[in-house]
Amino acid sequence: MDFFANIVGTISGYLYSYILIVLLIAAGLYFSFRTKFVQFRLLGESIRVITEPKKDKESISSFQALMVSTASRVGTGNIVGVTGAIIAGGPGAVFWMWLIALLGGASAFVESTLAQIYKKKGEDGSYGGPAYYIKQALKAPALGGAFAVALILTYMGGFNALASFNLTDFVKAYVPSENASLVIGGVIAVLAGIVILGGGKRISKVTEVMVPIMAIAYMAVALIVVIMNIGSLPKVLVSIFSEAFNLRSAFGGFLGAAIMNGIKRGLYSNEAGIGSAPNAAAAADVSHPVKQGLVQMLSVFIDTLLICTSTAFMILCSGLDSSAYIDEAGNTMNAAYIQDSLAANFGAFGGYFITFALALFAFTTLVGNYFYAEMNISYLYKEAHQNRTFMVCYRLLAILIIFLGAQFSAGLAWDLADVLMGFMALINVPVCLYLGKTAFSALKDYLKQREEGKNPTFKAATIGIKDTDYWK
């Protein structure tokens, strides 16, 4: 297991130190300029769109799709991931998380708009995602299959194992047993299984309720911490920007650590460009694909600029020395750092609150991640949802992975999730760059109709597309 963990760690370091840093920033810049920074100029429009009701009873609404994608985005990465990034990369890592989110908003818009344009009709509404627009637009079913496999391995495997590990790491301090990981893993698996066995509609209903509540409560506590430590806030902001570009520290590798950890944890948290959110976007019932592109763009901002920033400020305003939270083996002690930060302001209540918050975040992540995986199994096996025995076994496998993830080591859990996520980005981002002109044309059509005072509706032929299940 140690040998496997070392291999995965080496691959992760290479991917994020060289390849993905260039690819993600370049793609974000390209999409931002080509859409004239849609993530800023149409931010108000994205908020308006989420209030529109759905027309098809069998589909999910824009708001429900937003909550499913936010459920996957807003999870353990927002607490444990941000904490680990600050320990390993210093306050400067926060700047790089912000940058990836700001640029990633445009990437999220493009990929989710494409998912809507090329979505497929199903018995229970629509479905789609990168695997489907790769197959239909590029005529490359094998590449679409490779993406579907990568997504299933990432979300049902790597991400859910990581979420289970992170939750177990927090909770086991309150379980006085040598077999705490087994007990906690079993409880998490059973609770998640109840929702997962209910299928996509139950997942969307659960996340629609839980995500807004937990996000608002978490940000409220973060605001209280900032107010209690308002005198240290200017110093915190200065450290975030100064250490992001601290060239003197670059010779010791610290600048590289800030960039790499900021981008890794930012990408893990907001998922912009890796091809996950388009699976939820394709299931939404909207009158124009651009509407759901705007909604998913908003989800990136909710995740990173609100939730991740809340964690960063809670930690940095506490004034604790992050270097004290690296163990003898070089692993970051994420749970201890965030728990101590909250305890410094709220006493014992702080530890209880952050554990409860992580439990909710992790739970919605588990079911949101599974939603993506289930949508992609249909690409590989078209009759999957008609085969009840197969789907039960598939869902039981997902539940087993959640249980096993609770038994992982910290290094393996994080590196495996990072590597699998990186492979998804390596497929999806180049595809979006190639197909971007389709999303740009759809945006132009949407804005033209808005200027004419219309509620935009879409016909694929308007932008030169003929082969779609919808939009004829």
Protein backbone atom coordinates (compact mmCIF):
# COMPACT_ATOMS: atom_id res chain seq x y z
CA MET A 1 0.00 0.00 0.00
CA ASP A 2 2.87 2.39 0.78
CA PHE A 3 4.42 1.64 -2.62
CA PHE A 4 1.11 2.40 -4.35
CA ALA A 5 0.67 5.59 -2.31
CA ASN A 6 4.16 6.79 -3.33
CA ILE A 7 3.43 6.22 -7.03
CA VAL A 8 0.12 8.09 -6.81
CA GLY A 9 1.82 10.93 -4.91
CA THR A 10 4.53 11.27 -7.56
CA ILE A 11 1.97 11.42 -10.38
CA SER A 12 -0.07 14.00 -8.45
CA GLY A 13 2.96 16.23 -7.91
CA TYR A 14 3.90 16.14 -11.61
CA LEU A 15 0.35 16.83 -12.83
CA TYR A 16 -0.20 19.87 -10.63
CA SER A 17 3.33 21.26 -10.74
CA TYR A 18 3.58 21.38 -14.52
CA ILE A 19 0.61 20.33 -16.66
CA LEU A 20 -2.64 21.39 -15.01
CA ILE A 21 -1.41 24.77 -13.78
CA VAL A 22 -0.79 25.86 -17.37
CA LEU A 23 -3.88 24.18 -18.81
CA LEU A 24 -6.39 25.52 -16.28
CA ILE A 25 -5.15 29.10 -16.20
CA ALA A 26 -4.80 29.26 -20.00
CA ALA A 27 -8.30 27.84 -20.53
CA GLY A 28 -9.82 30.17 -17.93
CA LEU A 29 -8.20 33.19 -19.54
CA TYR A 30 -9.26 32.15 -23.04
CA PHE A 31 -12.90 31.56 -22.04
CA SER A 32 -12.97 34.79 -20.03
CA PHE A 33 -11.79 36.93 -22.95
CA ARG A 34 -13.94 35.16 -25.56
CA THR A 35 -17.09 35.61 -23.43
CA LYS A 36 -16.06 39.16 -22.48
CA PHE A 37 -15.78 38.01 -18.85
CA VAL A 38 -19.26 36.52 -18.63
CA GLN A 39 -18.58 35.56 -15.00
CA PHE A 40 -18.65 39.24 -14.03
CA ARG A 41 -20.91 41.03 -16.48
CA LEU A 42 -23.76 38.48 -16.24
CA LEU A 43 -23.46 37.68 -12.54
CA GLY A 44 -26.77 39.43 -11.80
CA GLU A 45 -28.45 37.55 -14.63
CA SER A 46 -27.25 34.22 -13.19
CA ILE A 47 -28.94 35.03 -9.87
CA ARG A 48 -32.20 35.90 -11.67
CA VAL A 49 -32.19 32.67 -13.69
CA ILE A 50 -32.14 30.32 -10.68
CA THR A 51 -35.59 31.54 -9.62
CA GLU A 52 -37.25 30.37 -12.85
CA PRO A 53 -39.57 27.37 -12.37
CA LYS A 54 -39.22 24.19 -14.41
CA LYS A 55 -41.80 23.28 -17.05
CA ASP A 56 -41.24 19.53 -17.25
CA LYS A 57 -42.35 17.73 -14.08
CA GLU A 58 -39.99 14.83 -14.78
CA SER A 59 -36.90 17.05 -14.93
CA ILE A 60 -35.15 19.00 -12.18
CA SER A 61 -35.22 22.78 -11.92
CA SER A 62 -32.27 25.13 -12.38
CA PHE A 63 -32.17 25.63 -8.62
CA GLN A 64 -32.14 21.88 -7.95
CA ALA A 65 -29.35 21.41 -10.51
CA LEU A 66 -27.44 24.23 -8.79
CA MET A 67 -27.88 22.53 -5.42
CA VAL A 68 -26.75 19.13 -6.74
CA SER A 69 -23.60 20.62 -8.27
CA THR A 70 -23.02 22.79 -5.19
CA ALA A 71 -23.52 19.72 -2.98
CA SER A 72 -20.64 18.06 -4.79
CA ARG A 73 -18.51 21.22 -4.84
CA VAL A 74 -19.25 22.35 -1.30
CA GLY A 75 -17.83 19.56 0.77
CA THR A 76 -14.81 18.45 2.72
CA GLY A 77 -12.54 20.37 0.34
CA ASN A 78 -14.01 23.62 1.62
CA ILE A 79 -12.93 22.83 5.17
CA VAL A 80 -10.18 20.20 5.18
CA GLY A 81 -8.83 21.04 1.72
CA VAL A 82 -8.46 24.75 2.41
CA THR A 83 -6.90 24.00 5.79
CA GLY A 84 -4.36 21.64 4.24
CA ALA A 85 -3.54 24.13 1.47
CA ILE A 86 -2.74 26.84 4.03
CA ILE A 87 -0.58 24.49 6.11
CA ALA A 88 1.37 23.30 3.05
CA GLY A 89 1.40 26.48 0.99
CA GLY A 90 0.85 29.30 3.48
CA PRO A 91 -1.72 32.12 3.24
CA GLY A 92 -0.65 32.73 -0.38
CA ALA A 93 -2.47 29.54 -1.40
CA VAL A 94 -5.76 31.36 -0.76
CA PHE A 95 -4.97 33.88 -3.53
CA TRP A 96 -4.45 31.09 -6.04
CA MET A 97 -7.73 29.48 -5.00
CA TRP A 98 -9.45 32.81 -5.67
CA LEU A 99 -7.76 33.15 -9.06
CA ILE A 100 -8.77 29.65 -10.14
CA ALA A 101 -12.37 30.40 -9.10
CA LEU A 102 -12.53 33.74 -10.93
CA LEU A 103 -11.15 32.23 -14.12
CA GLY A 104 -12.98 28.96 -13.55
CA GLY A 105 -16.35 30.71 -13.63
CA ALA A 106 -15.95 31.14 -17.40
CA SER A 107 -14.83 27.51 -17.81
CA ALA A 108 -17.87 26.34 -15.82
CA PHE A 109 -20.14 28.44 -18.03
CA VAL A 110 -18.78 26.90 -21.24
CA GLU A 111 -18.86 23.26 -20.15
CA SER A 112 -22.38 23.47 -18.67
CA THR A 113 -23.76 25.32 -21.69
CA LEU A 114 -22.34 22.58 -23.93
CA ALA A 115 -23.94 19.92 -21.71
CA GLN A 116 -27.33 21.57 -22.15
CA ILE A 117 -26.97 21.93 -25.92
CA TYR A 118 -26.10 18.25 -26.40
CA LYS A 119 -28.25 16.72 -23.64
CA LYS A 120 -30.25 13.55 -24.29
CA LYS A 121 -33.89 12.63 -23.67
CA GLY A 122 -34.61 10.02 -21.02
CA GLU A 123 -37.69 8.48 -19.44
CA ASP A 124 -37.28 10.64 -16.33
CA GLY A 125 -36.24 13.88 -18.04
CA SER A 126 -32.95 14.84 -19.65
CA TYR A 127 -29.39 13.74 -19.00
CA GLY A 128 -25.94 14.41 -20.41
CA GLY A 129 -22.49 15.76 -19.68
CA PRO A 130 -19.01 15.74 -21.23
CA ALA A 131 -19.18 12.08 -22.28
CA TYR A 132 -22.26 12.89 -24.36
CA TYR A 133 -21.04 16.11 -25.97
CA ILE A 134 -17.73 14.43 -26.77
CA LYS A 135 -19.59 11.61 -28.52
CA GLN A 136 -22.10 13.78 -30.35
CA ALA A 137 -20.11 16.89 -31.24
CA LEU A 138 -16.71 15.27 -31.83
CA LYS A 139 -18.02 11.90 -33.05
CA ALA A 140 -15.59 10.26 -30.63
CA PRO A 141 -17.54 7.67 -28.58
CA ALA A 142 -14.35 5.99 -27.34
CA LEU A 143 -13.03 9.26 -25.88
CA GLY A 144 -16.46 9.87 -24.35
CA GLY A 145 -16.26 6.42 -22.79
CA ALA A 146 -12.81 7.16 -21.40
CA PHE A 147 -14.19 10.31 -19.78
CA ALA A 148 -17.16 8.43 -18.33
CA VAL A 149 -14.83 5.85 -16.79
CA ALA A 150 -12.57 8.59 -15.40
CA LEU A 151 -15.56 10.39 -13.85
CA ILE A 152 -16.96 7.24 -12.24
CA LEU A 153 -13.55 6.35 -10.80
CA THR A 154 -13.09 9.93 -9.58
CA TYR A 155 -16.47 10.60 -8.02
CA MET A 156 -17.76 7.23 -6.91
CA GLY A 157 -14.21 6.16 -6.10
CA GLY A 158 -11.58 8.77 -5.26
CA PHE A 159 -13.78 11.68 -4.13
CA ASN A 160 -16.23 9.62 -2.09
CA ALA A 161 -13.43 7.67 -0.44
CA LEU A 162 -11.78 11.00 0.43
CA ALA A 163 -14.99 12.54 1.79
CA SER A 164 -15.55 9.46 3.93
CA PHE A 165 -11.95 9.57 5.20
CA ASN A 166 -12.15 13.27 6.07
CA LEU A 167 -15.39 12.88 7.97
CA THR A 168 -14.03 9.86 9.85
CA ASP A 169 -10.83 11.76 10.69
CA PHE A 170 -12.91 14.48 12.38
CA VAL A 171 -15.46 12.31 14.15
CA LYS A 172 -13.21 9.57 15.51
CA ALA A 173 -11.92 11.95 18.19
CA TYR A 174 -15.38 11.61 19.75
CA VAL A 175 -15.59 7.81 19.44
CA PRO A 176 -13.66 6.04 22.23
CA SER A 177 -12.88 2.82 20.38
CA GLU A 178 -9.90 1.21 18.69
CA ASN A 179 -12.25 0.35 15.84
CA ALA A 180 -13.56 3.91 15.47
CA SER A 181 -12.85 4.03 11.73
CA LEU A 182 -14.84 0.84 11.15
CA VAL A 183 -17.79 2.05 13.22
CA ILE A 184 -17.90 5.55 11.71
CA GLY A 185 -17.37 4.24 8.19
CA GLY A 186 -20.28 1.85 8.65
CA VAL A 187 -22.62 4.58 9.91
CA ILE A 188 -21.67 6.95 7.06
CA ALA A 189 -22.16 4.21 4.47
CA VAL A 190 -25.62 3.31 5.79
CA LEU A 191 -26.85 6.91 5.90
CA ALA A 192 -25.51 7.70 2.43
CA GLY A 193 -26.92 4.41 1.17
CA ILE A 194 -30.46 5.38 2.17
CA VAL A 195 -30.28 8.38 -0.17
CA ILE A 196 -28.23 6.70 -2.93
CA LEU A 197 -30.60 3.73 -3.19
CA GLY A 198 -33.42 6.21 -3.79
CA GLY A 199 -31.86 7.41 -7.06
CA GLY A 200 -31.35 10.82 -8.67
CA LYS A 201 -34.65 12.45 -7.69
CA ARG A 202 -34.18 11.73 -3.99
CA ILE A 203 -30.63 13.09 -4.21
CA SER A 204 -31.84 16.36 -5.76
CA LYS A 205 -34.55 16.73 -3.11
CA VAL A 206 -32.13 16.11 -0.21
CA THR A 207 -29.50 18.53 -1.50
CA GLU A 208 -32.12 21.19 -2.29
CA VAL A 209 -32.87 21.42 1.45
CA MET A 210 -29.51 20.70 3.08
CA VAL A 211 -27.08 22.72 0.97
CA PRO A 212 -28.52 26.23 1.53
CA ILE A 213 -28.95 25.65 5.28
CA MET A 214 -25.43 24.38 5.89
CA ALA A 215 -23.78 27.00 3.66
CA ILE A 216 -25.55 29.94 5.34
CA ALA A 217 -24.85 28.63 8.85
CA TYR A 218 -21.19 28.08 8.05
CA MET A 219 -20.69 31.54 6.56
CA ALA A 220 -22.48 33.09 9.54
CA VAL A 221 -20.03 31.51 11.99
CA ALA A 222 -17.11 32.61 9.81
CA LEU A 223 -18.43 36.17 9.86
CA ILE A 224 -18.64 36.08 13.65
CA VAL A 225 -15.02 34.90 13.85
CA VAL A 226 -13.89 37.73 11.56
CA ILE A 227 -15.81 40.30 13.63
CA MET A 228 -14.30 38.94 16.84
CA ASN A 229 -10.82 39.29 15.30
CA ILE A 230 -11.44 42.34 13.12
CA GLY A 231 -8.14 43.90 14.19
CA SER A 232 -6.17 41.05 12.59
CA LEU A 233 -8.09 41.06 9.29
CA PRO A 234 -5.85 43.65 7.51
CA LYS A 235 -2.79 41.60 8.42
CA VAL A 236 -4.47 38.44 7.10
CA LEU A 237 -5.31 40.10 3.77
CA VAL A 238 -1.76 41.42 3.40
CA SER A 239 -0.31 37.96 4.06
CA ILE A 240 -2.59 36.36 1.43
CA PHE A 241 -1.42 38.70 -1.33
CA SER A 242 2.21 39.14 -0.27
CA GLU A 243 2.92 35.43 0.17
CA ALA A 244 1.23 34.57 -3.13
CA PHE A 245 4.11 36.38 -4.89
CA ASN A 246 6.88 36.06 -2.35
CA LEU A 247 9.80 35.59 -4.75
CA ARG A 248 12.31 35.48 -1.93
CA SER A 249 10.66 32.29 -0.70
CA ALA A 250 10.55 30.78 -4.18
CA PHE A 251 14.10 29.52 -3.80
CA GLY A 252 12.93 27.39 -0.91
CA GLY A 253 10.02 26.10 -2.93
CA PHE A 254 7.41 27.98 -0.91
CA LEU A 255 6.03 30.00 -3.83
CA GLY A 256 5.64 26.80 -5.78
CA ALA A 257 3.89 25.22 -2.80
CA ALA A 258 1.48 28.14 -2.55
CA ILE A 259 0.59 27.95 -6.25
CA MET A 260 0.36 24.16 -6.42
CA ASN A 261 -1.68 23.75 -3.25
CA GLY A 262 -3.91 26.69 -4.07
CA ILE A 263 -4.71 25.33 -7.52
CA LYS A 264 -5.08 21.71 -6.35
CA ARG A 265 -7.43 22.58 -3.52
CA GLY A 266 -9.21 25.25 -5.55
CA LEU A 267 -9.85 22.82 -8.39
CA TYR A 268 -10.87 20.04 -6.00
CA SER A 269 -13.29 22.39 -4.29
CA ASN A 270 -14.94 24.26 -7.18
CA GLU A 271 -14.45 21.59 -9.89
CA ALA A 272 -14.55 24.19 -12.69
CA GLY A 273 -13.47 22.68 -15.98
CA ILE A 274 -13.10 19.07 -14.91
CA GLY A 275 -16.48 18.05 -16.33
CA SER A 276 -18.53 17.18 -13.25
CA ALA A 277 -21.13 19.95 -12.94
CA PRO A 278 -22.25 19.59 -16.60
CA ASN A 279 -23.83 16.28 -15.59
CA ALA A 280 -26.18 18.13 -13.25
CA ALA A 281 -26.58 21.01 -15.70
CA ALA A 282 -27.81 18.66 -18.44
CA ALA A 283 -30.61 17.39 -16.20
CA ALA A 284 -32.12 20.86 -15.68
CA ASP A 285 -35.22 22.02 -17.52
CA VAL A 286 -34.52 25.47 -19.00
CA SER A 287 -35.65 27.38 -22.10
CA HIS A 288 -32.09 28.18 -23.24
CA PRO A 289 -28.78 26.33 -22.61
CA VAL A 290 -27.03 29.55 -21.57
CA LYS A 291 -29.32 29.83 -18.54
CA GLN A 292 -27.85 26.70 -17.00
CA GLY A 293 -24.35 27.78 -17.96
CA LEU A 294 -24.91 30.94 -15.91
CA VAL A 295 -26.30 28.95 -12.99
CA GLN A 296 -23.28 26.62 -12.83
CA MET A 297 -20.97 29.63 -13.13
CA LEU A 298 -22.61 30.97 -9.96
CA SER A 299 -21.98 27.67 -8.16
CA VAL A 300 -18.20 28.14 -8.57
CA PHE A 301 -18.41 31.53 -6.84
CA ILE A 302 -20.57 30.15 -4.02
CA ASP A 303 -18.06 27.40 -3.44
CA THR A 304 -14.74 29.23 -3.50
CA LEU A 305 -15.36 32.93 -2.99
CA LEU A 306 -17.86 32.37 -0.17
CA ILE A 307 -17.34 28.97 1.50
CA CYS A 308 -13.59 28.48 0.99
CA THR A 309 -12.90 32.09 1.94
CA SER A 310 -14.94 31.60 5.10
CA THR A 311 -12.68 28.71 6.11
CA ALA A 312 -9.51 30.63 5.24
CA PHE A 313 -10.52 33.66 7.32
CA MET A 314 -11.60 31.51 10.27
CA ILE A 315 -8.19 29.84 10.30
CA LEU A 316 -5.96 32.83 9.58
CA CYS A 317 -7.77 35.20 11.96
CA SER A 318 -7.21 32.74 14.81
CA GLY A 319 -3.48 33.52 14.71
CA LEU A 320 -2.37 29.90 15.21
CA ASP A 321 0.97 28.82 13.75
CA SER A 322 0.22 26.55 10.79
CA SER A 323 3.71 25.00 10.86
CA ALA A 324 2.81 23.33 14.15
CA TYR A 325 0.28 21.17 12.30
CA ILE A 326 2.69 19.06 10.27
CA ASP A 327 3.45 15.66 11.84
CA GLU A 328 6.78 13.84 11.87
CA ALA A 329 5.95 12.04 8.61
CA GLY A 330 5.32 15.37 6.87
CA ASN A 331 1.52 14.99 6.72
CA THR A 332 -0.67 18.02 7.35
CA MET A 333 -2.89 17.75 10.44
CA ASN A 334 -5.91 19.39 8.82
CA ALA A 335 -8.59 18.36 11.30
CA ALA A 336 -6.58 19.48 14.33
CA TYR A 337 -5.77 22.88 12.78
CA ILE A 338 -9.34 23.89 11.93
CA GLN A 339 -10.70 22.46 15.21
CA ASP A 340 -8.13 24.39 17.26
CA SER A 341 -8.85 27.55 15.25
CA LEU A 342 -12.54 27.40 16.12
CA ALA A 343 -11.81 26.41 19.73
CA ALA A 344 -9.62 29.51 20.07
CA ASN A 345 -12.74 31.63 19.48
CA PHE A 346 -15.61 29.51 20.79
CA GLY A 347 -14.06 27.03 23.19
CA ALA A 348 -15.41 23.47 23.08
CA PHE A 349 -18.40 24.59 21.00
CA GLY A 350 -16.04 25.45 18.14
CA GLY A 351 -14.81 21.88 17.85
CA TYR A 352 -18.34 20.50 17.94
CA PHE A 353 -19.58 22.99 15.35
CA ILE A 354 -16.83 22.35 12.81
CA THR A 355 -17.32 18.59 13.17
CA PHE A 356 -21.07 18.96 12.63
CA ALA A 357 -20.50 21.28 9.65
CA LEU A 358 -18.04 18.84 8.09
CA ALA A 359 -20.51 15.99 8.63
CA LEU A 360 -23.18 17.84 6.65
CA PHE A 361 -20.72 18.95 3.97
CA ALA A 362 -19.32 15.44 3.60
CA PHE A 363 -22.76 13.84 3.46
CA THR A 364 -24.04 16.09 0.68
CA THR A 365 -20.73 15.58 -1.15
CA LEU A 366 -21.17 11.82 -0.99
CA VAL A 367 -24.65 11.83 -2.49
CA GLY A 368 -23.87 14.63 -4.99
CA ASN A 369 -20.80 12.77 -6.22
CA TYR A 370 -22.79 9.60 -6.68
CA PHE A 371 -25.36 11.50 -8.76
CA TYR A 372 -22.62 12.27 -11.31
CA ALA A 373 -21.36 8.69 -11.34
CA GLU A 374 -24.84 7.27 -11.93
CA MET A 375 -25.44 9.59 -14.87
CA ASN A 376 -22.27 8.33 -16.56
CA ILE A 377 -22.87 4.63 -16.07
CA SER A 378 -25.72 5.04 -18.59
CA TYR A 379 -23.18 6.10 -21.21
CA LEU A 380 -21.25 2.86 -20.80
CA TYR A 381 -24.32 0.65 -20.38
CA LYS A 382 -27.44 2.13 -21.99
CA GLU A 383 -29.88 -0.28 -20.33
CA ALA A 384 -28.42 0.30 -16.86
CA HIS A 385 -31.48 2.01 -15.38
CA GLN A 386 -33.81 -0.63 -16.81
CA ASN A 387 -31.77 -3.40 -15.18
CA ARG A 388 -32.86 -3.18 -11.55
CA THR A 389 -30.45 -5.87 -10.36
CA PHE A 390 -27.49 -4.13 -11.98
CA MET A 391 -28.39 -0.75 -10.47
CA VAL A 392 -28.81 -2.19 -6.99
CA CYS A 393 -25.40 -3.86 -7.23
CA TYR A 394 -23.87 -0.65 -8.63
CA ARG A 395 -25.30 1.39 -5.77
CA LEU A 396 -24.17 -1.16 -3.19
CA LEU A 397 -20.64 -0.92 -4.65
CA ALA A 398 -20.79 2.87 -4.18
CA ILE A 399 -21.81 2.34 -0.55
CA LEU A 400 -18.95 -0.16 -0.02
CA ILE A 401 -16.43 2.37 -1.38
CA ILE A 402 -17.69 4.93 1.14
CA PHE A 403 -17.06 2.42 3.92
CA LEU A 404 -13.58 1.52 2.65
CA GLY A 405 -12.60 5.17 2.24
CA ALA A 406 -12.95 5.64 5.98
CA GLN A 407 -10.03 3.21 6.41
CA PHE A 408 -7.62 5.05 4.03
CA SER A 409 -4.48 6.97 5.03
CA ALA A 410 -4.50 10.76 4.58
CA GLY A 411 -1.81 10.86 1.88
CA LEU A 412 -3.38 8.14 -0.26
CA ALA A 413 -6.90 9.56 0.06
CA TRP A 414 -5.90 13.06 -1.11
CA ASP A 415 -3.41 12.05 -3.82
CA LEU A 416 -5.73 9.45 -5.38
CA ALA A 417 -8.56 11.99 -5.60
CA ASP A 418 -6.21 14.61 -7.08
CA VAL A 419 -4.81 12.26 -9.76
CA LEU A 420 -8.21 10.98 -10.88
CA MET A 421 -9.56 14.54 -11.00
CA GLY A 422 -6.54 15.59 -13.03
CA PHE A 423 -7.23 12.93 -15.66
CA MET A 424 -10.79 14.23 -16.05
CA ALA A 425 -9.49 17.76 -16.61
CA LEU A 426 -6.95 16.53 -19.18
CA ILE A 427 -9.83 15.16 -21.27
CA ASN A 428 -12.52 17.78 -20.69
CA VAL A 429 -10.61 21.06 -20.89
CA PRO A 430 -9.11 20.48 -24.39
CA VAL A 431 -12.55 19.33 -25.61
CA CYS A 432 -14.17 22.52 -24.26
CA LEU A 433 -11.46 24.61 -25.93
CA TYR A 434 -12.29 22.95 -29.25
CA LEU A 435 -16.08 23.21 -28.83
CA GLY A 436 -16.01 26.62 -27.18
CA LYS A 437 -17.24 28.41 -30.30
CA THR A 438 -20.58 26.59 -29.92
CA ALA A 439 -21.05 27.95 -26.40
CA PHE A 440 -19.97 31.44 -27.55
CA SER A 441 -22.58 31.36 -30.33
CA ALA A 442 -25.26 30.27 -27.85
CA LEU A 443 -24.31 33.17 -25.56
CA LYS A 444 -24.55 35.62 -28.44
CA ASP A 445 -28.02 34.29 -29.30
CA TYR A 446 -29.12 34.56 -25.65
CA LEU A 447 -27.95 38.16 -25.28
CA LYS A 448 -29.60 39.16 -28.55
CA GLN A 449 -32.95 37.88 -27.34
CA ARG A 450 -32.52 39.56 -23.95
CA GLU A 451 -31.83 42.88 -25.68
CA GLU A 452 -35.06 42.43 -27.61
CA GLY A 453 -36.95 42.08 -24.34
CA LYS A 454 -37.66 38.36 -24.79
CA ASN A 455 -37.36 35.44 -22.41
CA PRO A 456 -34.68 33.61 -24.44
CA THR A 457 -35.59 30.31 -26.06
CA PHE A 458 -33.20 28.18 -28.04
CA LYS A 459 -33.27 26.46 -31.40
CA ALA A 460 -30.12 24.57 -32.31
CA ALA A 461 -30.40 25.47 -36.00
CA THR A 462 -29.99 29.15 -35.09
CA ILE A 463 -26.31 28.54 -34.34
CA GLY A 464 -25.83 25.92 -37.04
CA ILE A 465 -26.35 22.72 -35.02
CA LYS A 466 -28.59 20.00 -36.50
CA ASP A 467 -28.08 16.78 -34.54
CA THR A 468 -29.54 17.30 -31.06
CA ASP A 469 -32.26 15.47 -29.14
CA TYR A 470 -33.57 18.79 -27.83
CA TRP A 471 -33.76 22.32 -29.23
CA LYS A 472 -35.24 21.44 -32.63
